Amino acid sequence: MNHFIWALALWLCATPAVWAKPVSYAGGWSAMQMNDADTHSVGVSYSPTSEYSVGYLGEYRRDTDWMYQGTQLNLLLKRINMPKSQANFYLKSGIGAALANPFGRAETSSAAAFGGFLADWEDRRFFVSYENMGMAAGNIDRFFEQKARVGIAPYEGDYGDLHTWLMLETKHIVTSDKFTVTPLLRFFYGDVLAEIGMSNEEKLFTHLMINF
């Protein structure tokens, strides 16, 4: 019954990109892998209710050669359902440990914590989002980054169809003043969302999310 209600909600809200969100339906699990020009991350989260999710996050920062291992907590602050679109506002946070030079011999560890904000709006054809995150990892690293996306669906699929999005993401690591621009394709089918693109630095971008 829960799966039927969730499928009905998806159809009524007409938001095929909903699986990319950090909070799933009550009792739902999400597994994620993301790789971009600066970061490789994996995570698993569980949503006890549709208001928040908790789980594990592992993230390796290539640019500064260190790794975060710890918790993640995602809160749905507000959801606005409009007749043909939806807006969402989230708070993202976590605490854990940082390990410098994780694949070498000279390892340094420290406590670490992060926090950030995510907002998005979408209908069946258009998508926009903004996200930021600040990380403090002792004397290993401290940074603040932000991302923005715009997207368009070349066709409107029904529930159960393969949905395709053309997207453009810009990423700004404020503390190092680094900009990355990544055109990408998003594919959504059933319980699987996949994204692939190439940044202006000719670095491959991949993102895979599975809900179960």
C-alpha atoms as a PDB file:
ATOM      1  CA  MET A   1       0.000   0.000   0.000  1.00  0.00           C
ATOM      2  CA  ASN A   2       2.812   2.443   0.838  1.00  0.00           C
ATOM      3  CA  HIS A   3       4.332   1.927  -2.626  1.00  0.00           C
ATOM      4  CA  PHE A   4       0.957   2.552  -4.253  1.00  0.00           C
ATOM      5  CA  ILE A   5       0.455   5.798  -2.316  1.00  0.00           C
ATOM      6  CA  TRP A   6       3.959   6.964  -3.236  1.00  0.00           C
ATOM      7  CA  ALA A   7       3.421   6.196  -6.915  1.00  0.00           C
ATOM      8  CA  LEU A   8       0.129   8.084  -6.845  1.00  0.00           C
ATOM      9  CA  ALA A   9       1.793  11.080  -5.207  1.00  0.00           C
ATOM     10  CA  LEU A  10       4.447  11.102  -7.930  1.00  0.00           C
ATOM     11  CA  TRP A  11       1.803  11.097 -10.625  1.00  0.00           C
ATOM     12  CA  LEU A  12      -0.234  13.895  -9.061  1.00  0.00           C
ATOM     13  CA  CYS A  13       2.760  16.116  -8.378  1.00  0.00           C
ATOM     14  CA  ALA A  14       4.251  15.337 -11.812  1.00  0.00           C
ATOM     15  CA  THR A  15       7.828  15.633 -10.509  1.00  0.00           C
ATOM     16  CA  PRO A  16       9.888  12.866 -12.104  1.00  0.00           C
ATOM     17  CA  ALA A  17      13.150  14.195 -10.597  1.00  0.00           C
ATOM     18  CA  VAL A  18      11.840  13.661  -7.057  1.00  0.00           C
ATOM     19  CA  TRP A  19      14.175  10.676  -6.526  1.00  0.00           C
ATOM     20  CA  ALA A  20      17.184  12.989  -6.578  1.00  0.00           C
ATOM     21  CA  LYS A  21      16.057  14.622  -3.340  1.00  0.00           C
ATOM     22  CA  PRO A  22      17.835  13.945  -0.009  1.00  0.00           C
ATOM     23  CA  VAL A  23      14.646  12.816   1.782  1.00  0.00           C
ATOM     24  CA  SER A  24      12.638   9.870   0.452  1.00  0.00           C
ATOM     25  CA  TYR A  25       9.175   8.580   1.400  1.00  0.00           C
ATOM     26  CA  ALA A  26       8.547   7.191   4.908  1.00  0.00           C
ATOM     27  CA  GLY A  27      10.381   3.877   5.273  1.00  0.00           C
ATOM     28  CA  GLY A  28      12.427   4.378   2.104  1.00  0.00           C
ATOM     29  CA  TRP A  29      16.151   3.772   1.608  1.00  0.00           C
ATOM     30  CA  SER A  30      18.451   5.575  -0.827  1.00  0.00           C
ATOM     31  CA  ALA A  31      21.919   4.634  -2.071  1.00  0.00           C
ATOM     32  CA  MET A  32      24.016   7.237  -3.889  1.00  0.00           C
ATOM     33  CA  GLN A  33      27.322   7.549  -5.737  1.00  0.00           C
ATOM     34  CA  MET A  34      28.642  10.827  -7.169  1.00  0.00           C
ATOM     35  CA  ASN A  35      31.851  11.706  -8.959  1.00  0.00           C
ATOM     36  CA  ASP A  36      32.809  15.169 -10.224  1.00  0.00           C
ATOM     37  CA  ALA A  37      35.927  17.222 -10.914  1.00  0.00           C
ATOM     38  CA  ASP A  38      36.724  17.660  -7.205  1.00  0.00           C
ATOM     39  CA  THR A  39      34.944  14.972  -5.238  1.00  0.00           C
ATOM     40  CA  HIS A  40      34.027  11.312  -5.093  1.00  0.00           C
ATOM     41  CA  SER A  41      31.243  10.446  -2.640  1.00  0.00           C
ATOM     42  CA  VAL A  42      29.071   7.503  -1.650  1.00  0.00           C
ATOM     43  CA  GLY A  43      26.176   7.450   0.765  1.00  0.00           C
ATOM     44  CA  VAL A  44      23.281   5.455   2.150  1.00  0.00           C
ATOM     45  CA  SER A  45      20.333   7.012   3.957  1.00  0.00           C
ATOM     46  CA  TYR A  46      17.039   5.952   5.522  1.00  0.00           C
ATOM     47  CA  SER A  47      13.920   8.116   5.835  1.00  0.00           C
ATOM     48  CA  PRO A  48      11.911   7.197   8.965  1.00  0.00           C
ATOM     49  CA  THR A  49       9.353   9.790   7.838  1.00  0.00           C
ATOM     50  CA  SER A  50       8.964  11.989   4.779  1.00  0.00           C
ATOM     51  CA  GLU A  51      10.361  14.891   6.839  1.00  0.00           C
ATOM     52  CA  TYR A  52      13.968  13.726   7.351  1.00  0.00           C
ATOM     53  CA  SER A  53      16.591  11.103   6.530  1.00  0.00           C
ATOM     54  CA  VAL A  54      19.664   9.809   8.364  1.00  0.00           C
ATOM     55  CA  GLY A  55      22.585   7.753   7.133  1.00  0.00           C
ATOM     56  CA  TYR A  56      26.243   7.396   6.210  1.00  0.00           C
ATOM     57  CA  LEU A  57      28.318   9.609   3.918  1.00  0.00           C
ATOM     58  CA  GLY A  58      31.845   9.000   2.660  1.00  0.00           C
ATOM     59  CA  GLU A  59      33.495  11.717   0.595  1.00  0.00           C
ATOM     60  CA  TYR A  60      37.007  11.996  -0.851  1.00  0.00           C
ATOM     61  CA  ARG A  61      38.243  15.464  -1.845  1.00  0.00           C
ATOM     62  CA  ARG A  62      40.701  15.015  -4.688  1.00  0.00           C
ATOM     63  CA  ASP A  63      41.876  18.628  -4.752  1.00  0.00           C
ATOM     64  CA  THR A  64      43.118  18.563  -1.125  1.00  0.00           C
ATOM     65  CA  ASP A  65      43.605  14.772  -0.717  1.00  0.00           C
ATOM     66  CA  TRP A  66      41.495  14.006   2.330  1.00  0.00           C
ATOM     67  CA  MET A  67      38.417  11.949   3.188  1.00  0.00           C
ATOM     68  CA  TYR A  68      35.287  12.522   5.267  1.00  0.00           C
ATOM     69  CA  GLN A  69      33.633   9.515   6.905  1.00  0.00           C
ATOM     70  CA  GLY A  70      30.563  10.071   9.030  1.00  0.00           C
ATOM     71  CA  THR A  71      26.876  10.698   9.400  1.00  0.00           C
ATOM     72  CA  GLN A  72      24.467  12.719   7.325  1.00  0.00           C
ATOM     73  CA  LEU A  73      21.152  14.235   8.439  1.00  0.00           C
ATOM     74  CA  ASN A  74      18.779  15.787   5.907  1.00  0.00           C
ATOM     75  CA  LEU A  75      15.712  17.776   6.991  1.00  0.00           C
ATOM     76  CA  LEU A  76      12.815  18.835   4.785  1.00  0.00           C
ATOM     77  CA  LEU A  77      12.171  22.386   5.999  1.00  0.00           C
ATOM     78  CA  LYS A  78       9.301  23.218   3.659  1.00  0.00           C
ATOM     79  CA  ARG A  79       7.508  21.760   0.649  1.00  0.00           C
ATOM     80  CA  ILE A  80       5.217  23.900  -1.459  1.00  0.00           C
ATOM     81  CA  ASN A  81       2.866  21.990  -3.753  1.00  0.00           C
ATOM     82  CA  MET A  82       1.458  24.130  -6.551  1.00  0.00           C
ATOM     83  CA  PRO A  83      -1.082  23.024  -9.181  1.00  0.00           C
ATOM     84  CA  LYS A  84       1.584  21.967 -11.705  1.00  0.00           C
ATOM     85  CA  SER A  85       4.901  22.340  -9.874  1.00  0.00           C
ATOM     86  CA  GLN A  86       6.669  21.824  -6.558  1.00  0.00           C
ATOM     87  CA  ALA A  87       9.282  23.681  -4.481  1.00  0.00           C
ATOM     88  CA  ASN A  88      11.397  22.145  -1.704  1.00  0.00           C
ATOM     89  CA  PHE A  89      13.732  23.523   0.964  1.00  0.00           C
ATOM     90  CA  TYR A  90      16.196  21.285   2.830  1.00  0.00           C
ATOM     91  CA  LEU A  91      18.816  21.563   5.567  1.00  0.00           C
ATOM     92  CA  LYS A  92      21.761  19.157   5.225  1.00  0.00           C
ATOM     93  CA  SER A  93      24.315  18.389   7.960  1.00  0.00           C
ATOM     94  CA  GLY A  94      26.661  15.759   9.356  1.00  0.00           C
ATOM     95  CA  ILE A  95      29.430  14.997  11.832  1.00  0.00           C
ATOM     96  CA  GLY A  96      32.260  12.509  11.520  1.00  0.00           C
ATOM     97  CA  ALA A  97      36.001  12.182  11.024  1.00  0.00           C
ATOM     98  CA  ALA A  98      38.452  13.557   8.476  1.00  0.00           C
ATOM     99  CA  LEU A  99      41.535  11.659   7.332  1.00  0.00           C
ATOM    100  CA  ALA A 100      44.270  13.465   5.411  1.00  0.00           C
ATOM    101  CA  ASN A 101      46.322  11.601   2.810  1.00  0.00           C
ATOM    102  CA  PRO A 102      44.089   8.512   3.201  1.00  0.00           C
ATOM    103  CA  PHE A 103      45.939   6.483   0.544  1.00  0.00           C
ATOM    104  CA  GLY A 104      49.465   7.300   1.759  1.00  0.00           C
ATOM    105  CA  ARG A 105      51.549   6.643   4.839  1.00  0.00           C
ATOM    106  CA  ALA A 106      51.527  10.051   6.539  1.00  0.00           C
ATOM    107  CA  GLU A 107      47.949  10.096   7.812  1.00  0.00           C
ATOM    108  CA  THR A 108      46.395  12.870   9.931  1.00  0.00           C
ATOM    109  CA  SER A 109      42.928  12.647  11.453  1.00  0.00           C
ATOM    110  CA  SER A 110      40.523  15.203  12.867  1.00  0.00           C
ATOM    111  CA  ALA A 111      36.899  15.642  13.824  1.00  0.00           C
ATOM    112  CA  ALA A 112      34.776  17.077  11.002  1.00  0.00           C
ATOM    113  CA  ALA A 113      31.342  18.615  10.549  1.00  0.00           C
ATOM    114  CA  PHE A 114      29.390  20.094   7.651  1.00  0.00           C
ATOM    115  CA  GLY A 115      26.162  21.954   7.054  1.00  0.00           C
ATOM    116  CA  GLY A 116      24.316  23.348   4.090  1.00  0.00           C
ATOM    117  CA  PHE A 117      21.078  24.367   2.428  1.00  0.00           C
ATOM    118  CA  LEU A 118      19.284  23.080  -0.680  1.00  0.00           C
ATOM    119  CA  ALA A 119      16.337  24.622  -2.517  1.00  0.00           C
ATOM    120  CA  ASP A 120      14.721  23.503  -5.777  1.00  0.00           C
ATOM    121  CA  TRP A 121      11.690  24.131  -7.946  1.00  0.00           C
ATOM    122  CA  GLU A 122      10.430  21.982 -10.799  1.00  0.00           C
ATOM    123  CA  ASP A 123       7.532  21.127 -13.011  1.00  0.00           C
ATOM    124  CA  ARG A 124       7.281  18.588 -15.820  1.00  0.00           C
ATOM    125  CA  ARG A 125       9.497  20.636 -18.148  1.00  0.00           C
ATOM    126  CA  PHE A 126      11.766  22.910 -16.095  1.00  0.00           C
ATOM    127  CA  PHE A 127      14.055  22.563 -13.085  1.00  0.00           C
ATOM    128  CA  VAL A 128      16.147  25.017 -11.036  1.00  0.00           C
ATOM    129  CA  SER A 129      18.100  24.456  -7.822  1.00  0.00           C
ATOM    130  CA  TYR A 130      20.632  26.064  -5.509  1.00  0.00           C
ATOM    131  CA  GLU A 131      22.778  24.254  -2.927  1.00  0.00           C
ATOM    132  CA  ASN A 132      25.605  25.224  -0.601  1.00  0.00           C
ATOM    133  CA  MET A 133      27.791  23.462   1.950  1.00  0.00           C
ATOM    134  CA  GLY A 134      30.407  24.470   4.481  1.00  0.00           C
ATOM    135  CA  MET A 135      32.865  21.915   5.901  1.00  0.00           C
ATOM    136  CA  ALA A 136      35.174  22.272   8.922  1.00  0.00           C
ATOM    137  CA  ALA A 137      37.776  19.522   9.403  1.00  0.00           C
ATOM    138  CA  GLY A 138      40.197  20.833  12.014  1.00  0.00           C
ATOM    139  CA  ASN A 139      43.577  21.754  10.530  1.00  0.00           C
ATOM    140  CA  ILE A 140      43.015  19.450   7.530  1.00  0.00           C
ATOM    141  CA  ASP A 141      40.632  21.638   5.550  1.00  0.00           C
ATOM    142  CA  ARG A 142      37.890  24.245   5.740  1.00  0.00           C
ATOM    143  CA  PHE A 143      35.850  25.204   2.706  1.00  0.00           C
ATOM    144  CA  PHE A 144      32.567  26.623   1.488  1.00  0.00           C
ATOM    145  CA  GLU A 145      31.083  25.711  -1.885  1.00  0.00           C
ATOM    146  CA  GLN A 146      27.865  26.378  -3.753  1.00  0.00           C
ATOM    147  CA  LYS A 147      26.119  24.880  -6.766  1.00  0.00           C
ATOM    148  CA  ALA A 148      23.318  26.007  -9.067  1.00  0.00           C
ATOM    149  CA  ARG A 149      21.432  24.053 -11.728  1.00  0.00           C
ATOM    150  CA  VAL A 150      18.980  24.718 -14.512  1.00  0.00           C
ATOM    151  CA  GLY A 151      17.325  21.978 -16.527  1.00  0.00           C
ATOM    152  CA  ILE A 152      14.761  21.291 -19.208  1.00  0.00           C
ATOM    153  CA  ALA A 153      12.989  18.094 -20.215  1.00  0.00           C
ATOM    154  CA  PRO A 154      12.792  17.717 -24.016  1.00  0.00           C
ATOM    155  CA  TYR A 155       9.539  15.764 -23.657  1.00  0.00           C
ATOM    156  CA  GLU A 156       6.916  15.122 -20.966  1.00  0.00           C
ATOM    157  CA  GLY A 157       6.799  11.464 -20.013  1.00  0.00           C
ATOM    158  CA  ASP A 158       4.096   9.719 -18.017  1.00  0.00           C
ATOM    159  CA  TYR A 159       4.714   7.887 -14.766  1.00  0.00           C
ATOM    160  CA  GLY A 160       6.658   4.711 -15.520  1.00  0.00           C
ATOM    161  CA  ASP A 161       8.295   6.124 -18.661  1.00  0.00           C
ATOM    162  CA  LEU A 162      11.969   6.923 -19.099  1.00  0.00           C
ATOM    163  CA  HIS A 163      12.393  10.603 -18.224  1.00  0.00           C
ATOM    164  CA  THR A 164      15.254  12.632 -19.690  1.00  0.00           C
ATOM    165  CA  TRP A 165      16.584  16.028 -18.597  1.00  0.00           C
ATOM    166  CA  LEU A 166      19.178  18.334 -20.147  1.00  0.00           C
ATOM    167  CA  MET A 167      20.942  20.203 -17.334  1.00  0.00           C
ATOM    168  CA  LEU A 168      23.693  22.717 -16.717  1.00  0.00           C
ATOM    169  CA  GLU A 169      25.447  22.844 -13.346  1.00  0.00           C
ATOM    170  CA  THR A 170      27.788  25.552 -12.081  1.00  0.00           C
ATOM    171  CA  LYS A 171      29.929  24.911  -8.996  1.00  0.00           C
ATOM    172  CA  HIS A 172      31.903  27.520  -7.078  1.00  0.00           C
ATOM    173  CA  ILE A 173      34.359  26.578  -4.329  1.00  0.00           C
ATOM    174  CA  VAL A 174      34.343  29.972  -2.649  1.00  0.00           C
ATOM    175  CA  THR A 175      37.397  29.457  -0.435  1.00  0.00           C
ATOM    176  CA  SER A 176      39.635  28.711  -3.438  1.00  0.00           C
ATOM    177  CA  ASP A 177      37.609  30.783  -5.931  1.00  0.00           C
ATOM    178  CA  LYS A 178      37.347  27.834  -8.321  1.00  0.00           C
ATOM    179  CA  PHE A 179      34.517  27.646 -10.861  1.00  0.00           C
ATOM    180  CA  THR A 180      33.379  24.507 -12.673  1.00  0.00           C
ATOM    181  CA  VAL A 181      30.690  24.329 -15.358  1.00  0.00           C
ATOM    182  CA  THR A 182      29.215  20.934 -16.250  1.00  0.00           C
ATOM    183  CA  PRO A 183      26.588  20.204 -18.934  1.00  0.00           C
ATOM    184  CA  LEU A 184      24.949  16.871 -18.117  1.00  0.00           C
ATOM    185  CA  LEU A 185      22.157  14.451 -18.958  1.00  0.00           C
ATOM    186  CA  ARG A 186      19.763  13.111 -16.314  1.00  0.00           C
ATOM    187  CA  PHE A 187      17.859   9.869 -16.827  1.00  0.00           C
ATOM    188  CA  PHE A 188      15.122   8.695 -14.480  1.00  0.00           C
ATOM    189  CA  TYR A 189      13.390   5.336 -14.767  1.00  0.00           C
ATOM    190  CA  GLY A 190      11.549   3.486 -12.010  1.00  0.00           C
ATOM    191  CA  ASP A 191      13.636   3.579  -8.836  1.00  0.00           C
ATOM    192  CA  VAL A 192      16.886   4.551 -10.564  1.00  0.00           C
ATOM    193  CA  LEU A 193      18.254   8.000 -11.390  1.00  0.00           C
ATOM    194  CA  ALA A 194      21.484   8.393 -13.367  1.00  0.00           C
ATOM    195  CA  GLU A 195      23.395  11.465 -14.514  1.00  0.00           C
ATOM    196  CA  ILE A 196      26.443  11.823 -16.733  1.00  0.00           C
ATOM    197  CA  GLY A 197      28.300  14.856 -18.031  1.00  0.00           C
ATOM    198  CA  MET A 198      31.673  16.469 -18.744  1.00  0.00           C
ATOM    199  CA  SER A 199      32.991  19.604 -17.043  1.00  0.00           C
ATOM    200  CA  ASN A 200      34.803  22.523 -18.648  1.00  0.00           C
ATOM    201  CA  GLU A 201      37.986  20.951 -17.182  1.00  0.00           C
ATOM    202  CA  GLU A 202      37.221  17.800 -19.215  1.00  0.00           C
ATOM    203  CA  LYS A 203      36.523  15.856 -16.021  1.00  0.00           C
ATOM    204  CA  LEU A 204      33.809  13.196 -16.069  1.00  0.00           C
ATOM    205  CA  PHE A 205      30.711  13.757 -13.933  1.00  0.00           C
ATOM    206  CA  THR A 206      28.614  10.758 -12.859  1.00  0.00           C
ATOM    207  CA  HIS A 207      25.786  10.393 -10.365  1.00  0.00           C
ATOM    208  CA  LEU A 208      23.742   7.305  -9.573  1.00  0.00           C
ATOM    209  CA  MET A 209      20.884   7.087  -7.051  1.00  0.00           C
ATOM    210  CA  ILE A 210      18.788   4.018  -6.288  1.00  0.00           C
ATOM    211  CA  ASN A 211      15.712   4.048  -4.036  1.00  0.00           C
ATOM    212  CA  PHE A 212      14.298   0.945  -2.425  1.00  0.00           C
END
